[in-house]
Amino acid sequence: MVEIDNIITDKKIENYFERTKEAITIIKNGLPPEKSLLSDVASDFLVMIDCYFEDAKTFIDKGDYINAFASLNYAYGWIDAGARLGIFNVGDDDVRFTLAK
């Protein structure tokens, strides 16, 4: 019988929170130059990422791990989309980011 891991524990939510926080730091260090056409796109992506990340913190503070987990996953989806499209320069880091073609 296969054991199903369907509980969002303190450890799991803390891990996702830290991974997302680390990814945000990395992408903010890999922004396109201000004069680049991608600068405005990066800003739009960052607004979405920051909003979902802040929502996750609010949900965590309320003990709502389900919505916190969902918000962190939405934030990371935006992060990965930006990295995959080349909006954020994350180098060759295909461990934290989805870069495969």
Protein backbone atom coordinates (compact mmCIF):
# COMPACT_ATOMS: atom_id res chain seq x y z
CA MET A 1 0.00 0.00 0.00
CA VAL A 2 1.27 3.46 -0.92
CA GLU A 3 1.42 5.97 1.91
CA ILE A 4 -0.05 9.34 0.94
CA ASP A 5 1.52 12.50 2.35
CA ASN A 6 -1.52 14.78 2.50
CA ILE A 7 -0.79 16.90 5.56
CA ILE A 8 0.76 20.36 5.40
CA THR A 9 2.95 20.27 8.49
CA ASP A 10 4.84 23.13 10.13
CA LYS A 11 8.03 21.66 8.69
CA LYS A 12 6.61 21.46 5.16
CA ILE A 13 5.21 25.01 5.13
CA GLU A 14 8.46 26.39 6.60
CA ASN A 15 10.43 24.58 3.89
CA TYR A 16 8.26 25.99 1.10
CA PHE A 17 8.37 29.46 2.65
CA GLU A 18 12.19 29.41 2.85
CA ARG A 19 12.60 28.00 -0.68
CA THR A 20 10.33 30.72 -2.08
CA LYS A 21 12.07 33.45 -0.08
CA GLU A 22 15.46 32.23 -1.36
CA ALA A 23 14.19 32.18 -4.97
CA ILE A 24 12.86 35.74 -4.63
CA THR A 25 16.29 36.93 -3.49
CA ILE A 26 17.91 35.21 -6.47
CA ILE A 27 15.53 36.65 -9.07
CA LYS A 28 15.77 40.16 -7.60
CA ASN A 29 19.53 39.92 -8.19
CA GLY A 30 18.92 38.85 -11.81
CA LEU A 31 16.58 41.59 -13.01
CA PRO A 32 16.89 42.96 -16.54
CA PRO A 33 18.45 46.42 -16.93
CA GLU A 34 16.00 49.30 -16.38
CA LYS A 35 16.27 50.37 -20.03
CA SER A 36 15.40 46.86 -21.22
CA LEU A 37 11.94 46.20 -22.61
CA LEU A 38 11.75 43.31 -20.14
CA SER A 39 12.17 45.63 -17.16
CA ASP A 40 8.46 46.49 -17.05
CA VAL A 41 7.53 42.83 -17.49
CA ALA A 42 9.86 41.89 -14.62
CA SER A 43 8.23 44.56 -12.45
CA ASP A 44 4.78 43.16 -13.22
CA PHE A 45 5.95 39.64 -12.38
CA LEU A 46 7.51 40.86 -9.12
CA VAL A 47 4.27 42.53 -8.08
CA MET A 48 2.44 39.23 -8.50
CA ILE A 49 5.19 37.26 -6.75
CA ASP A 50 5.35 39.68 -3.82
CA CYS A 51 1.56 39.77 -3.46
CA TYR A 52 1.26 35.99 -3.32
CA PHE A 53 4.24 35.77 -0.95
CA GLU A 54 2.71 38.36 1.39
CA ASP A 55 -0.64 36.55 1.19
CA ALA A 56 1.16 33.36 2.24
CA LYS A 57 2.62 35.12 5.29
CA THR A 58 -0.83 36.40 6.25
CA PHE A 59 -2.33 32.92 5.91
CA ILE A 60 0.53 31.38 7.93
CA ASP A 61 -0.03 33.93 10.70
CA LYS A 62 -3.70 32.90 10.77
CA GLY A 63 -2.79 29.20 10.87
CA ASP A 64 -4.37 28.65 7.43
CA TYR A 65 -1.70 26.39 5.99
CA ILE A 66 -3.79 25.27 3.03
CA ASN A 67 -4.15 28.78 1.58
CA ALA A 68 -0.59 29.66 2.61
CA PHE A 69 0.67 26.60 0.71
CA ALA A 70 -1.46 27.54 -2.31
CA SER A 71 -0.16 31.13 -2.24
CA LEU A 72 3.45 29.98 -2.06
CA ASN A 73 2.87 27.71 -5.03
CA TYR A 74 1.32 30.54 -7.03
CA ALA A 75 4.28 32.78 -6.16
CA TYR A 76 6.71 30.07 -7.25
CA GLY A 77 4.75 29.55 -10.46
CA TRP A 78 5.34 33.20 -11.34
CA ILE A 79 9.00 32.86 -10.35
CA ASP A 80 9.48 29.79 -12.56
CA ALA A 81 7.63 31.39 -15.47
CA GLY A 82 9.88 34.46 -15.26
CA ALA A 83 13.01 32.33 -15.05
CA ARG A 84 11.91 30.07 -17.90
CA LEU A 85 11.06 33.03 -20.16
CA GLY A 86 14.41 34.69 -19.40
CA ILE A 87 12.84 37.64 -17.58
CA PHE A 88 14.94 36.81 -14.52
CA ASN A 89 18.56 35.76 -14.94
CA VAL A 90 19.02 32.75 -12.68
CA GLY A 91 22.06 31.42 -14.48
CA ASP A 92 22.02 27.67 -14.99
CA ASP A 93 20.27 26.94 -11.69
CA ASP A 94 17.95 24.17 -12.78
CA VAL A 95 17.59 22.87 -9.22
CA ARG A 96 15.60 25.84 -7.89
CA PHE A 97 14.09 26.86 -11.23
CA THR A 98 12.45 25.10 -14.18
CA LEU A 99 14.80 25.86 -17.06
CA ALA A 100 14.61 22.73 -19.20
CA LYS A 101 13.51 23.17 -22.79
